[in-house]
Amino acid sequence: MSEICTKCGLPKELCVCETIAKESQKIIVQTVKKKFNKVSTIVEGIDEKEINLKELAKKLKNQFACGGTAKEGRVELQGDHKQKVKEILVQTGFAPETIEIR
């Protein structure tokens, strides 16, 4: 018999907790100038208890062929990727109306 999710009560294969969590996030995507006028894209507002930030950061870094990190509840990417980040987050399952670009 398969494992049961403690949050939704469904089997792990049918668990919808992460899908519900993705739809309820308020995500802010912005660019910040760092040292030596380098631009970084910051993705914040994702609840790291419900969604694996390291896995999301890895996917974004691979998609954009850039460096970056996941720390302090946010994902930092090297370079200006504001518009492309929104497209990838929507493809991943986040609701487009919950993603704000500044």
N, C-alpha and C. Protein backbone atom coordinates (compact mmCIF):
# COMPACT_ATOMS: atom_id res chain seq x y z
N MET A 1 0.83 -1.18 0.00
CA MET A 1 0.00 0.00 0.00
C MET A 1 0.88 1.25 0.00
N SER A 2 0.47 2.27 -0.74
CA SER A 2 1.30 3.46 -0.87
C SER A 2 1.14 4.39 0.34
N GLU A 3 2.07 5.32 0.44
CA GLU A 3 2.06 6.26 1.55
C GLU A 3 0.93 7.28 1.38
N ILE A 4 0.42 7.77 2.47
CA ILE A 4 -0.65 8.76 2.48
C ILE A 4 -0.07 10.12 2.86
N CYS A 5 -0.46 11.16 2.14
CA CYS A 5 -0.04 12.53 2.45
C CYS A 5 -0.73 12.98 3.74
N THR A 6 0.04 13.58 4.63
CA THR A 6 -0.53 14.01 5.92
C THR A 6 -1.37 15.28 5.79
N LYS A 7 -1.17 16.06 4.74
CA LYS A 7 -1.92 17.31 4.58
C LYS A 7 -3.27 17.10 3.92
N CYS A 8 -3.26 16.41 2.75
CA CYS A 8 -4.51 16.28 1.99
C CYS A 8 -5.19 14.93 2.17
N GLY A 9 -4.48 13.94 2.70
CA GLY A 9 -5.08 12.63 2.94
C GLY A 9 -5.13 11.73 1.72
N LEU A 10 -4.55 12.16 0.61
CA LEU A 10 -4.53 11.34 -0.61
C LEU A 10 -3.22 10.56 -0.68
N PRO A 11 -3.18 9.50 -1.50
CA PRO A 11 -1.90 8.80 -1.70
C PRO A 11 -0.86 9.76 -2.30
N LYS A 12 0.41 9.51 -2.03
CA LYS A 12 1.49 10.39 -2.48
C LYS A 12 1.45 10.61 -4.00
N GLU A 13 1.03 9.58 -4.78
CA GLU A 13 0.99 9.73 -6.23
C GLU A 13 -0.08 10.73 -6.68
N LEU A 14 -1.14 10.87 -5.90
CA LEU A 14 -2.25 11.75 -6.25
C LEU A 14 -2.26 13.04 -5.43
N CYS A 15 -1.25 13.28 -4.64
CA CYS A 15 -1.20 14.43 -3.73
C CYS A 15 -1.29 15.75 -4.52
N VAL A 16 -2.14 16.65 -4.04
CA VAL A 16 -2.35 17.93 -4.70
C VAL A 16 -1.85 19.10 -3.86
N CYS A 17 -1.15 18.84 -2.79
CA CYS A 17 -0.70 19.89 -1.87
C CYS A 17 0.21 20.89 -2.58
N GLU A 18 1.17 20.41 -3.37
CA GLU A 18 2.10 21.32 -4.04
C GLU A 18 1.38 22.15 -5.10
N THR A 19 0.41 21.57 -5.80
CA THR A 19 -0.35 22.31 -6.80
C THR A 19 -1.15 23.43 -6.14
N ILE A 20 -1.78 23.14 -5.03
CA ILE A 20 -2.54 24.16 -4.30
C ILE A 20 -1.60 25.24 -3.77
N ALA A 21 -0.44 24.84 -3.29
CA ALA A 21 0.53 25.80 -2.77
C ALA A 21 1.03 26.72 -3.87
N LYS A 22 1.24 26.20 -5.08
CA LYS A 22 1.71 27.02 -6.20
C LYS A 22 0.68 28.07 -6.59
N GLU A 23 -0.59 27.75 -6.49
CA GLU A 23 -1.63 28.69 -6.88
C GLU A 23 -1.85 29.78 -5.84
N SER A 24 -1.46 29.55 -4.60
CA SER A 24 -1.73 30.51 -3.52
C SER A 24 -0.54 31.42 -3.20
N GLN A 25 0.55 31.34 -3.94
CA GLN A 25 1.73 32.15 -3.68
C GLN A 25 1.57 33.56 -4.26
N LYS A 26 2.19 34.54 -3.64
CA LYS A 26 2.28 35.90 -4.18
C LYS A 26 3.75 36.14 -4.48
N ILE A 27 4.12 36.01 -5.75
CA ILE A 27 5.52 36.02 -6.16
C ILE A 27 5.89 37.39 -6.72
N ILE A 28 7.03 37.91 -6.31
CA ILE A 28 7.54 39.19 -6.81
C ILE A 28 8.86 38.91 -7.53
N VAL A 29 8.95 39.37 -8.78
CA VAL A 29 10.17 39.22 -9.58
C VAL A 29 10.71 40.62 -9.83
N GLN A 30 11.96 40.85 -9.46
CA GLN A 30 12.55 42.18 -9.65
C GLN A 30 14.03 42.06 -9.95
N THR A 31 14.59 43.12 -10.51
CA THR A 31 16.03 43.14 -10.76
C THR A 31 16.68 44.11 -9.78
N VAL A 32 17.90 43.79 -9.41
CA VAL A 32 18.66 44.59 -8.45
C VAL A 32 20.06 44.76 -9.00
N LYS A 33 20.59 45.98 -8.89
CA LYS A 33 21.99 46.21 -9.28
C LYS A 33 22.87 45.87 -8.09
N LYS A 34 23.86 45.06 -8.35
CA LYS A 34 24.79 44.65 -7.30
C LYS A 34 26.14 45.34 -7.53
N LYS A 35 27.13 44.79 -6.91
CA LYS A 35 28.48 45.31 -7.00
C LYS A 35 28.95 45.38 -8.46
N PHE A 36 29.67 46.42 -8.81
CA PHE A 36 30.24 46.62 -10.15
C PHE A 36 29.15 46.71 -11.23
N ASN A 37 27.97 47.24 -10.87
CA ASN A 37 26.84 47.41 -11.80
C ASN A 37 26.37 46.10 -12.43
N LYS A 38 26.54 45.01 -11.75
CA LYS A 38 26.03 43.71 -12.22
C LYS A 38 24.55 43.63 -11.86
N VAL A 39 23.73 43.10 -12.77
CA VAL A 39 22.30 42.99 -12.55
C VAL A 39 21.96 41.56 -12.11
N SER A 40 21.10 41.45 -11.10
CA SER A 40 20.62 40.15 -10.63
C SER A 40 19.10 40.17 -10.62
N THR A 41 18.50 39.04 -10.93
CA THR A 41 17.06 38.88 -10.87
C THR A 41 16.72 38.18 -9.57
N ILE A 42 15.80 38.76 -8.81
CA ILE A 42 15.39 38.21 -7.52
C ILE A 42 13.95 37.73 -7.63
N VAL A 43 13.70 36.48 -7.24
CA VAL A 43 12.35 35.91 -7.20
C VAL A 43 12.05 35.63 -5.73
N GLU A 44 11.08 36.37 -5.16
CA GLU A 44 10.76 36.17 -3.75
C GLU A 44 9.26 36.05 -3.54
N GLY A 45 8.89 35.57 -2.38
CA GLY A 45 7.49 35.38 -2.05
C GLY A 45 7.05 33.94 -2.15
N ILE A 46 7.96 33.04 -2.44
CA ILE A 46 7.64 31.61 -2.54
C ILE A 46 7.85 31.00 -1.15
N ASP A 47 6.84 30.30 -0.67
CA ASP A 47 6.93 29.67 0.64
C ASP A 47 7.81 28.43 0.56
N GLU A 48 8.97 28.49 1.20
CA GLU A 48 9.93 27.39 1.09
C GLU A 48 9.51 26.16 1.88
N LYS A 49 8.49 26.26 2.72
CA LYS A 49 8.00 25.09 3.43
C LYS A 49 7.17 24.20 2.52
N GLU A 50 6.52 24.81 1.53
CA GLU A 50 5.63 24.05 0.65
C GLU A 50 6.27 23.71 -0.69
N ILE A 51 7.22 24.53 -1.14
CA ILE A 51 7.85 24.32 -2.44
C ILE A 51 9.36 24.28 -2.24
N ASN A 52 10.01 23.34 -2.89
CA ASN A 52 11.46 23.17 -2.77
C ASN A 52 12.17 24.27 -3.56
N LEU A 53 12.73 25.25 -2.84
CA LEU A 53 13.39 26.38 -3.50
C LEU A 53 14.65 25.97 -4.24
N LYS A 54 15.41 25.05 -3.68
CA LYS A 54 16.64 24.63 -4.33
C LYS A 54 16.35 23.97 -5.67
N GLU A 55 15.31 23.17 -5.72
CA GLU A 55 14.92 22.50 -6.96
C GLU A 55 14.45 23.53 -7.99
N LEU A 56 13.67 24.51 -7.56
CA LEU A 56 13.19 25.56 -8.45
C LEU A 56 14.36 26.40 -8.97
N ALA A 57 15.30 26.74 -8.10
CA ALA A 57 16.48 27.51 -8.50
C ALA A 57 17.31 26.74 -9.51
N LYS A 58 17.45 25.45 -9.29
CA LYS A 58 18.22 24.62 -10.22
C LYS A 58 17.57 24.60 -11.60
N LYS A 59 16.25 24.49 -11.63
CA LYS A 59 15.53 24.48 -12.90
C LYS A 59 15.69 25.81 -13.63
N LEU A 60 15.57 26.92 -12.90
CA LEU A 60 15.70 28.25 -13.52
C LEU A 60 17.13 28.48 -14.02
N LYS A 61 18.12 28.08 -13.24
CA LYS A 61 19.51 28.25 -13.65
C LYS A 61 19.82 27.44 -14.90
N ASN A 62 19.31 26.22 -14.97
CA ASN A 62 19.52 25.39 -16.16
C ASN A 62 18.83 25.99 -17.38
N GLN A 63 17.64 26.50 -17.18
CA GLN A 63 16.85 27.06 -18.29
C GLN A 63 17.52 28.30 -18.89
N PHE A 64 18.09 29.16 -18.03
CA PHE A 64 18.67 30.42 -18.50
C PHE A 64 20.18 30.37 -18.66
N ALA A 65 20.80 29.26 -18.34
CA ALA A 65 22.25 29.09 -18.45
C ALA A 65 22.98 30.20 -17.70
N CYS A 66 22.62 30.37 -16.44
CA CYS A 66 23.24 31.40 -15.62
C CYS A 66 23.52 30.84 -14.24
N GLY A 67 24.24 31.61 -13.46
CA GLY A 67 24.51 31.22 -12.08
C GLY A 67 23.42 31.76 -11.18
N GLY A 68 23.41 31.30 -9.95
CA GLY A 68 22.42 31.79 -9.01
C GLY A 68 22.41 30.95 -7.76
N THR A 69 21.48 31.29 -6.86
CA THR A 69 21.39 30.59 -5.59
C THR A 69 19.97 30.69 -5.03
N ALA A 70 19.68 29.83 -4.08
CA ALA A 70 18.42 29.88 -3.34
C ALA A 70 18.77 30.05 -1.88
N LYS A 71 18.46 31.21 -1.32
CA LYS A 71 18.77 31.46 0.08
C LYS A 71 17.80 32.47 0.66
N GLU A 72 17.59 32.39 1.96
CA GLU A 72 16.75 33.32 2.70
C GLU A 72 15.34 33.45 2.11
N GLY A 73 14.80 32.37 1.59
CA GLY A 73 13.44 32.39 1.07
C GLY A 73 13.30 33.03 -0.28
N ARG A 74 14.37 33.18 -1.02
CA ARG A 74 14.29 33.76 -2.36
C ARG A 74 15.30 33.11 -3.28
N VAL A 75 15.06 33.28 -4.59
CA VAL A 75 15.96 32.74 -5.61
C VAL A 75 16.64 33.93 -6.27
N GLU A 76 17.97 33.89 -6.35
CA GLU A 76 18.74 34.94 -7.01
C GLU A 76 19.38 34.36 -8.26
N LEU A 77 19.17 35.03 -9.39
CA LEU A 77 19.76 34.62 -10.65
C LEU A 77 20.66 35.73 -11.18
N GLN A 78 21.79 35.36 -11.77
CA GLN A 78 22.68 36.35 -12.35
C GLN A 78 22.14 36.80 -13.69
N GLY A 79 22.00 38.10 -13.89
CA GLY A 79 21.52 38.64 -15.16
C GLY A 79 20.07 39.09 -15.06
N ASP A 80 19.58 39.73 -16.13
CA ASP A 80 18.21 40.25 -16.18
C ASP A 80 17.33 39.23 -16.90
N HIS A 81 16.49 38.52 -16.14
CA HIS A 81 15.63 37.48 -16.70
C HIS A 81 14.18 37.67 -16.29
N LYS A 82 13.74 38.92 -16.03
CA LYS A 82 12.41 39.16 -15.47
C LYS A 82 11.28 38.53 -16.28
N GLN A 83 11.21 38.83 -17.56
CA GLN A 83 10.10 38.33 -18.38
C GLN A 83 10.17 36.82 -18.56
N LYS A 84 11.37 36.31 -18.75
CA LYS A 84 11.51 34.87 -18.98
C LYS A 84 11.20 34.06 -17.72
N VAL A 85 11.49 34.62 -16.55
CA VAL A 85 11.20 33.93 -15.29
C VAL A 85 9.70 33.72 -15.16
N LYS A 86 8.92 34.73 -15.50
CA LYS A 86 7.47 34.61 -15.39
C LYS A 86 6.96 33.48 -16.28
N GLU A 87 7.45 33.38 -17.51
CA GLU A 87 7.03 32.32 -18.43
C GLU A 87 7.35 30.94 -17.85
N ILE A 88 8.54 30.78 -17.31
CA ILE A 88 8.95 29.48 -16.76
C ILE A 88 8.13 29.14 -15.52
N LEU A 89 7.87 30.12 -14.66
CA LEU A 89 7.06 29.86 -13.46
C LEU A 89 5.64 29.45 -13.83
N VAL A 90 5.08 30.07 -14.87
CA VAL A 90 3.73 29.69 -15.32
C VAL A 90 3.75 28.26 -15.86
N GLN A 91 4.79 27.91 -16.62
CA GLN A 91 4.91 26.54 -17.14
C GLN A 91 5.07 25.53 -16.01
N THR A 92 5.71 25.94 -14.93
CA THR A 92 5.93 25.06 -13.78
C THR A 92 4.66 24.81 -13.00
N GLY A 93 3.67 25.72 -13.13
CA GLY A 93 2.40 25.50 -12.45
C GLY A 93 1.94 26.64 -11.57
N PHE A 94 2.69 27.72 -11.51
CA PHE A 94 2.27 28.88 -10.73
C PHE A 94 1.24 29.67 -11.52
N ALA A 95 0.29 30.30 -10.83
CA ALA A 95 -0.77 31.07 -11.49
C ALA A 95 -0.19 32.39 -12.00
N PRO A 96 -0.47 32.75 -13.27
CA PRO A 96 0.11 33.98 -13.83
C PRO A 96 -0.34 35.25 -13.11
N GLU A 97 -1.55 35.27 -12.57
CA GLU A 97 -2.01 36.49 -11.90
C GLU A 97 -1.36 36.71 -10.54
N THR A 98 -0.68 35.70 -10.01
CA THR A 98 -0.01 35.85 -8.72
C THR A 98 1.45 36.27 -8.87
N ILE A 99 1.94 36.40 -10.10
CA ILE A 99 3.33 36.77 -10.34
C ILE A 99 3.39 38.25 -10.70
N GLU A 100 4.08 39.03 -9.88
CA GLU A 100 4.20 40.47 -10.10
C GLU A 100 5.62 40.79 -10.52
N ILE A 101 5.76 41.55 -11.62
CA ILE A 101 7.08 41.94 -12.10
C ILE A 101 7.28 43.42 -11.78
N ARG A 102 8.37 43.72 -11.12
CA ARG A 102 8.69 45.12 -10.77
C ARG A 102 9.89 45.60 -11.55
